[in-house]
């Protein structure tokens, strides 16, 4: 109901997202949380609420990936079995006593192993991770020295530790931070292709 009164309410979209996830409406919950995150980053990019929204969104995206991954795995196994049967049938047409060669079976298994590779967790590339937290970027910003950090983390560093770049030690003010849209886009592409990376450490 709050969304009808204020469609720009971060908290309303967040609560709607949680409610939809609780009702097992994954797609709707993810959409509402994404809207909440977008609004939250625009209003208060370093607030605790943005971090909470990201954590809930990450959990939901991971659950979504897990379900799709299981379905793809099942489909690949069925297809692999069907292909092996077809290969055996094809070979028996040439010679009823001939067996399918081990080489053909291995080649077929290799094809299916490669097809399943996108769903196999590996390491997130370093250029997609914050230098301070070593976690995948959510809202990357770049400093004048060319180093990219997670926005909330570098702002916290500037407020608590001092107004300097933690790596180069050069003077740094919050207004000098610029959104790194290239890294953000690379992270989005990586997460879309490798949903397992949403799992929070």
C-alpha atoms as a PDB file:
ATOM      1  CA  UNK A   1       0.000   0.000   0.000  1.00  0.00           C
ATOM      2  CA  UNK A   2       2.889   2.372   0.798  1.00  0.00           C
ATOM      3  CA  UNK A   3       4.127   2.079  -2.797  1.00  0.00           C
ATOM      4  CA  UNK A   4       0.821   3.518  -4.041  1.00  0.00           C
ATOM      5  CA  UNK A   5       1.414   6.635  -1.925  1.00  0.00           C
ATOM      6  CA  UNK A   6       5.140   6.973  -2.605  1.00  0.00           C
ATOM      7  CA  UNK A   7       6.521   5.012  -5.546  1.00  0.00           C
ATOM      8  CA  UNK A   8      10.019   6.306  -4.709  1.00  0.00           C
ATOM      9  CA  UNK A   9      10.087   4.815  -1.224  1.00  0.00           C
ATOM     10  CA  UNK A  10      13.145   2.629  -0.733  1.00  0.00           C
ATOM     11  CA  UNK A  11      11.657   0.926   2.300  1.00  0.00           C
ATOM     12  CA  UNK A  12       8.292   0.234   0.621  1.00  0.00           C
ATOM     13  CA  UNK A  13       9.946  -1.558  -2.307  1.00  0.00           C
ATOM     14  CA  UNK A  14      12.242  -3.391   0.121  1.00  0.00           C
ATOM     15  CA  UNK A  15       9.332  -4.611   2.260  1.00  0.00           C
ATOM     16  CA  UNK A  16       7.363  -5.597  -0.860  1.00  0.00           C
ATOM     17  CA  UNK A  17      10.361  -7.574  -2.094  1.00  0.00           C
ATOM     18  CA  UNK A  18      10.707  -9.408   1.222  1.00  0.00           C
ATOM     19  CA  UNK A  19       6.969 -10.150   1.324  1.00  0.00           C
ATOM     20  CA  UNK A  20       7.004 -11.554  -2.212  1.00  0.00           C
ATOM     21  CA  UNK A  21      10.065 -13.687  -1.443  1.00  0.00           C
ATOM     22  CA  UNK A  22       8.318 -14.970   1.676  1.00  0.00           C
ATOM     23  CA  UNK A  23       5.374 -16.017  -0.542  1.00  0.00           C
ATOM     24  CA  UNK A  24       7.840 -17.865  -2.827  1.00  0.00           C
ATOM     25  CA  UNK A  25       7.279 -15.318  -5.632  1.00  0.00           C
ATOM     26  CA  UNK A  26      10.955 -15.129  -6.537  1.00  0.00           C
ATOM     27  CA  UNK A  27      10.736 -13.081  -9.759  1.00  0.00           C
ATOM     28  CA  UNK A  28       8.498 -10.408  -8.224  1.00  0.00           C
ATOM     29  CA  UNK A  29      10.587 -10.254  -5.053  1.00  0.00           C
ATOM     30  CA  UNK A  30      13.810  -9.823  -7.018  1.00  0.00           C
ATOM     31  CA  UNK A  31      12.247  -7.083  -9.152  1.00  0.00           C
ATOM     32  CA  UNK A  32      11.053  -5.156  -6.066  1.00  0.00           C
ATOM     33  CA  UNK A  33      14.438  -5.526  -4.336  1.00  0.00           C
ATOM     34  CA  UNK A  34      16.261  -4.350  -7.474  1.00  0.00           C
ATOM     35  CA  UNK A  35      14.017  -1.257  -7.581  1.00  0.00           C
ATOM     36  CA  UNK A  36      14.649  -0.656  -3.876  1.00  0.00           C
ATOM     37  CA  UNK A  37      18.411  -0.966  -4.396  1.00  0.00           C
ATOM     38  CA  UNK A  38      18.310   1.435  -7.340  1.00  0.00           C
ATOM     39  CA  UNK A  39      16.357   4.006  -5.297  1.00  0.00           C
ATOM     40  CA  UNK A  40      18.569   3.482  -2.242  1.00  0.00           C
ATOM     41  CA  UNK A  41      21.789   3.994  -4.176  1.00  0.00           C
ATOM     42  CA  UNK A  42      20.419   7.223  -5.588  1.00  0.00           C
ATOM     43  CA  UNK A  43      19.347   8.636  -2.217  1.00  0.00           C
ATOM     44  CA  UNK A  44      21.930   7.371   0.294  1.00  0.00           C
ATOM     45  CA  UNK A  45      24.565   5.169  -1.384  1.00  0.00           C
ATOM     46  CA  UNK A  46      26.474   4.475   1.847  1.00  0.00           C
ATOM     47  CA  UNK A  47      23.492   3.777   4.122  1.00  0.00           C
ATOM     48  CA  UNK A  48      22.982   0.565   6.072  1.00  0.00           C
ATOM     49  CA  UNK A  49      19.726   0.048   4.163  1.00  0.00           C
ATOM     50  CA  UNK A  50      21.553  -0.327   0.829  1.00  0.00           C
ATOM     51  CA  UNK A  51      23.724  -3.063   2.362  1.00  0.00           C
ATOM     52  CA  UNK A  52      20.651  -4.873   3.759  1.00  0.00           C
ATOM     53  CA  UNK A  53      18.877  -4.650   0.408  1.00  0.00           C
ATOM     54  CA  UNK A  54      21.957  -6.003  -1.397  1.00  0.00           C
ATOM     55  CA  UNK A  55      22.211  -8.939   1.016  1.00  0.00           C
ATOM     56  CA  UNK A  56      18.549  -9.901   0.561  1.00  0.00           C
ATOM     57  CA  UNK A  57      18.805  -9.457  -3.213  1.00  0.00           C
ATOM     58  CA  UNK A  58      21.961 -11.597  -3.302  1.00  0.00           C
ATOM     59  CA  UNK A  59      20.233 -14.391  -1.379  1.00  0.00           C
ATOM     60  CA  UNK A  60      17.236 -14.277  -3.730  1.00  0.00           C
ATOM     61  CA  UNK A  61      19.409 -14.212  -6.865  1.00  0.00           C
ATOM     62  CA  UNK A  62      21.449 -17.137  -5.539  1.00  0.00           C
ATOM     63  CA  UNK A  63      18.267 -19.140  -4.850  1.00  0.00           C
ATOM     64  CA  UNK A  64      17.063 -18.303  -8.366  1.00  0.00           C
ATOM     65  CA  UNK A  65      20.387 -19.417  -9.873  1.00  0.00           C
ATOM     66  CA  UNK A  66      20.395 -22.594  -7.772  1.00  0.00           C
ATOM     67  CA  UNK A  67      16.945 -23.596  -9.051  1.00  0.00           C
ATOM     68  CA  UNK A  68      17.839 -22.870 -12.669  1.00  0.00           C
ATOM     69  CA  UNK A  69      21.180 -24.643 -12.274  1.00  0.00           C
ATOM     70  CA  UNK A  70      19.523 -27.814 -10.960  1.00  0.00           C
ATOM     71  CA  UNK A  71      17.065 -27.730 -13.844  1.00  0.00           C
ATOM     72  CA  UNK A  72      19.878 -27.269 -16.409  1.00  0.00           C
ATOM     73  CA  UNK A  73      21.886 -30.079 -14.790  1.00  0.00           C
ATOM     74  CA  UNK A  74      18.903 -32.425 -15.011  1.00  0.00           C
ATOM     75  CA  UNK A  75      18.279 -31.472 -18.649  1.00  0.00           C
ATOM     76  CA  UNK A  76      21.946 -31.982 -19.546  1.00  0.00           C
ATOM     77  CA  UNK A  77      21.976 -35.428 -17.918  1.00  0.00           C
ATOM     78  CA  UNK A  78      18.847 -36.478 -19.800  1.00  0.00           C
ATOM     79  CA  UNK A  79      20.264 -35.162 -23.062  1.00  0.00           C
ATOM     80  CA  UNK A  80      23.599 -36.908 -22.429  1.00  0.00           C
ATOM     81  CA  UNK A  81      21.815 -40.220 -21.834  1.00  0.00           C
ATOM     82  CA  UNK A  82      19.691 -39.749 -24.963  1.00  0.00           C
ATOM     83  CA  UNK A  83      22.761 -38.913 -27.073  1.00  0.00           C
ATOM     84  CA  UNK A  84      24.616 -42.004 -25.836  1.00  0.00           C
ATOM     85  CA  UNK A  85      21.627 -44.201 -26.692  1.00  0.00           C
ATOM     86  CA  UNK A  86      21.386 -42.599 -30.142  1.00  0.00           C
ATOM     87  CA  UNK A  87      25.121 -43.118 -30.693  1.00  0.00           C
ATOM     88  CA  UNK A  88      24.795 -46.802 -29.766  1.00  0.00           C
ATOM     89  CA  UNK A  89      21.761 -47.196 -32.057  1.00  0.00           C
ATOM     90  CA  UNK A  90      23.601 -45.516 -34.913  1.00  0.00           C
ATOM     91  CA  UNK A  91      26.643 -47.771 -34.483  1.00  0.00           C
ATOM     92  CA  UNK A  92      24.486 -50.902 -34.305  1.00  0.00           C
ATOM     93  CA  UNK A  93      22.991 -50.041 -37.719  1.00  0.00           C
ATOM     94  CA  UNK A  94      26.446 -50.375 -39.293  1.00  0.00           C
ATOM     95  CA  UNK A  95      27.285 -53.556 -37.444  1.00  0.00           C
ATOM     96  CA  UNK A  96      24.965 -55.173 -34.884  1.00  0.00           C
ATOM     97  CA  UNK A  97      27.910 -56.547 -32.912  1.00  0.00           C
ATOM     98  CA  UNK A  98      29.920 -53.300 -32.853  1.00  0.00           C
ATOM     99  CA  UNK A  99      30.207 -51.371 -29.602  1.00  0.00           C
ATOM    100  CA  UNK A 100      30.390 -47.615 -29.345  1.00  0.00           C
ATOM    101  CA  UNK A 101      34.035 -46.659 -29.136  1.00  0.00           C
ATOM    102  CA  UNK A 102      35.348 -45.292 -25.857  1.00  0.00           C
ATOM    103  CA  UNK A 103      36.673 -42.296 -27.794  1.00  0.00           C
ATOM    104  CA  UNK A 104      33.164 -41.279 -28.945  1.00  0.00           C
ATOM    105  CA  UNK A 105      31.786 -41.616 -25.425  1.00  0.00           C
ATOM    106  CA  UNK A 106      34.651 -39.516 -24.027  1.00  0.00           C
ATOM    107  CA  UNK A 107      34.080 -36.827 -26.670  1.00  0.00           C
ATOM    108  CA  UNK A 108      30.394 -36.733 -25.817  1.00  0.00           C
ATOM    109  CA  UNK A 109      31.142 -36.495 -22.088  1.00  0.00           C
ATOM    110  CA  UNK A 110      33.593 -33.640 -22.764  1.00  0.00           C
ATOM    111  CA  UNK A 111      30.922 -31.698 -24.669  1.00  0.00           C
ATOM    112  CA  UNK A 112      28.519 -32.002 -21.733  1.00  0.00           C
ATOM    113  CA  UNK A 113      31.249 -31.170 -19.208  1.00  0.00           C
ATOM    114  CA  UNK A 114      31.933 -27.922 -21.083  1.00  0.00           C
ATOM    115  CA  UNK A 115      28.211 -27.141 -21.248  1.00  0.00           C
ATOM    116  CA  UNK A 116      27.946 -27.461 -17.451  1.00  0.00           C
ATOM    117  CA  UNK A 117      31.012 -25.281 -16.795  1.00  0.00           C
ATOM    118  CA  UNK A 118      29.083 -21.987 -16.373  1.00  0.00           C
ATOM    119  CA  UNK A 119      27.261 -23.480 -13.379  1.00  0.00           C
ATOM    120  CA  UNK A 120      30.479 -24.610 -11.708  1.00  0.00           C
ATOM    121  CA  UNK A 121      31.668 -22.188  -8.991  1.00  0.00           C
ATOM    122  CA  UNK A 122      35.228 -20.918  -9.392  1.00  0.00           C
ATOM    123  CA  UNK A 123      37.009 -17.780  -8.182  1.00  0.00           C
ATOM    124  CA  UNK A 124      35.653 -14.320  -8.951  1.00  0.00           C
ATOM    125  CA  UNK A 125      38.258 -12.431 -11.047  1.00  0.00           C
ATOM    126  CA  UNK A 126      40.323  -9.943  -9.003  1.00  0.00           C
ATOM    127  CA  UNK A 127      39.382  -6.967 -11.175  1.00  0.00           C
ATOM    128  CA  UNK A 128      35.738  -7.465 -10.121  1.00  0.00           C
ATOM    129  CA  UNK A 129      36.567  -7.388  -6.384  1.00  0.00           C
ATOM    130  CA  UNK A 130      37.154  -4.515  -3.952  1.00  0.00           C
ATOM    131  CA  UNK A 131      40.783  -4.083  -2.860  1.00  0.00           C
ATOM    132  CA  UNK A 132      39.684  -3.660   0.780  1.00  0.00           C
ATOM    133  CA  UNK A 133      36.952  -6.278   1.308  1.00  0.00           C
ATOM    134  CA  UNK A 134      37.945  -8.692  -1.493  1.00  0.00           C
ATOM    135  CA  UNK A 135      34.199  -9.130  -2.156  1.00  0.00           C
ATOM    136  CA  UNK A 136      32.623  -8.704  -5.573  1.00  0.00           C
ATOM    137  CA  UNK A 137      31.714  -5.088  -6.339  1.00  0.00           C
ATOM    138  CA  UNK A 138      28.166  -3.866  -5.791  1.00  0.00           C
ATOM    139  CA  UNK A 139      28.605  -0.115  -6.288  1.00  0.00           C
ATOM    140  CA  UNK A 140      32.177   0.502  -7.520  1.00  0.00           C
ATOM    141  CA  UNK A 141      33.756   3.960  -7.488  1.00  0.00           C
ATOM    142  CA  UNK A 142      37.097   5.055  -8.881  1.00  0.00           C
ATOM    143  CA  UNK A 143      39.542   7.454  -7.231  1.00  0.00           C
ATOM    144  CA  UNK A 144      41.731  10.041  -9.002  1.00  0.00           C
ATOM    145  CA  UNK A 145      44.647   7.590  -8.653  1.00  0.00           C
ATOM    146  CA  UNK A 146      42.707   5.052 -10.763  1.00  0.00           C
ATOM    147  CA  UNK A 147      41.964   2.490  -8.044  1.00  0.00           C
ATOM    148  CA  UNK A 148      38.416   1.150  -7.766  1.00  0.00           C
ATOM    149  CA  UNK A 149      36.759   0.516  -4.392  1.00  0.00           C
ATOM    150  CA  UNK A 150      33.315  -0.379  -3.114  1.00  0.00           C
ATOM    151  CA  UNK A 151      31.543   2.955  -2.466  1.00  0.00           C
ATOM    152  CA  UNK A 152      30.294   2.205   1.064  1.00  0.00           C
ATOM    153  CA  UNK A 153      33.671   0.789   2.122  1.00  0.00           C
ATOM    154  CA  UNK A 154      35.785   3.704   0.867  1.00  0.00           C
ATOM    155  CA  UNK A 155      33.341   6.255   2.328  1.00  0.00           C
ATOM    156  CA  UNK A 156      33.551   4.445   5.670  1.00  0.00           C
ATOM    157  CA  UNK A 157      37.356   4.514   5.435  1.00  0.00           C
ATOM    158  CA  UNK A 158      37.342   8.251   4.681  1.00  0.00           C
ATOM    159  CA  UNK A 159      35.044   8.937   7.651  1.00  0.00           C
ATOM    160  CA  UNK A 160      36.708   6.680  10.237  1.00  0.00           C
ATOM    161  CA  UNK A 161      40.378   6.458   9.306  1.00  0.00           C
ATOM    162  CA  UNK A 162      41.180   9.607   7.374  1.00  0.00           C
ATOM    163  CA  UNK A 163      40.867  11.476   4.104  1.00  0.00           C
ATOM    164  CA  UNK A 164      43.384   9.449   2.105  1.00  0.00           C
ATOM    165  CA  UNK A 165      43.426   6.601  -0.404  1.00  0.00           C
ATOM    166  CA  UNK A 166      44.147   3.380   1.551  1.00  0.00           C
ATOM    167  CA  UNK A 167      46.440   1.988  -1.170  1.00  0.00           C
ATOM    168  CA  UNK A 168      48.298   5.025  -2.538  1.00  0.00           C
ATOM    169  CA  UNK A 169      48.036   7.134   0.657  1.00  0.00           C
ATOM    170  CA  UNK A 170      47.257  10.205  -1.483  1.00  0.00           C
ATOM    171  CA  UNK A 171      44.785  12.779  -0.119  1.00  0.00           C
ATOM    172  CA  UNK A 172      41.207  11.860  -1.038  1.00  0.00           C
ATOM    173  CA  UNK A 173      37.852  13.564  -0.460  1.00  0.00           C
ATOM    174  CA  UNK A 174      34.413  11.939  -0.907  1.00  0.00           C
ATOM    175  CA  UNK A 175      33.484  14.322  -3.743  1.00  0.00           C
ATOM    176  CA  UNK A 176      36.435  12.965  -5.781  1.00  0.00           C
ATOM    177  CA  UNK A 177      34.873   9.496  -6.022  1.00  0.00           C
ATOM    178  CA  UNK A 178      33.287   8.750  -9.392  1.00  0.00           C
ATOM    179  CA  UNK A 179      31.037   5.779 -10.181  1.00  0.00           C
ATOM    180  CA  UNK A 180      32.993   3.212 -12.179  1.00  0.00           C
ATOM    181  CA  UNK A 181      30.315   2.262 -14.685  1.00  0.00           C
ATOM    182  CA  UNK A 182      32.624   0.036 -16.741  1.00  0.00           C
ATOM    183  CA  UNK A 183      33.402  -2.181 -13.740  1.00  0.00           C
ATOM    184  CA  UNK A 184      29.735  -2.113 -12.679  1.00  0.00           C
ATOM    185  CA  UNK A 185      28.705  -3.350 -16.116  1.00  0.00           C
ATOM    186  CA  UNK A 186      31.410  -6.052 -16.065  1.00  0.00           C
ATOM    187  CA  UNK A 187      30.177  -7.207 -12.635  1.00  0.00           C
ATOM    188  CA  UNK A 188      26.571  -7.309 -13.875  1.00  0.00           C
ATOM    189  CA  UNK A 189      27.586  -9.408 -16.900  1.00  0.00           C
ATOM    190  CA  UNK A 190      29.643 -11.744 -14.696  1.00  0.00           C
ATOM    191  CA  UNK A 191      26.793 -12.190 -12.194  1.00  0.00           C
ATOM    192  CA  UNK A 192      24.284 -12.838 -14.983  1.00  0.00           C
ATOM    193  CA  UNK A 193      26.522 -15.584 -16.372  1.00  0.00           C
ATOM    194  CA  UNK A 194      27.698 -16.949 -13.005  1.00  0.00           C
ATOM    195  CA  UNK A 195      24.834 -16.734 -10.510  1.00  0.00           C
ATOM    196  CA  UNK A 196      26.799 -18.756  -7.949  1.00  0.00           C
ATOM    197  CA  UNK A 197      28.846 -15.586  -7.290  1.00  0.00           C
ATOM    198  CA  UNK A 198      25.856 -14.047  -5.489  1.00  0.00           C
ATOM    199  CA  UNK A 199      26.490 -16.324  -2.531  1.00  0.00           C
ATOM    200  CA  UNK A 200      27.696 -14.118   0.312  1.00  0.00           C
ATOM    201  CA  UNK A 201      30.849 -15.264   2.055  1.00  0.00           C
END
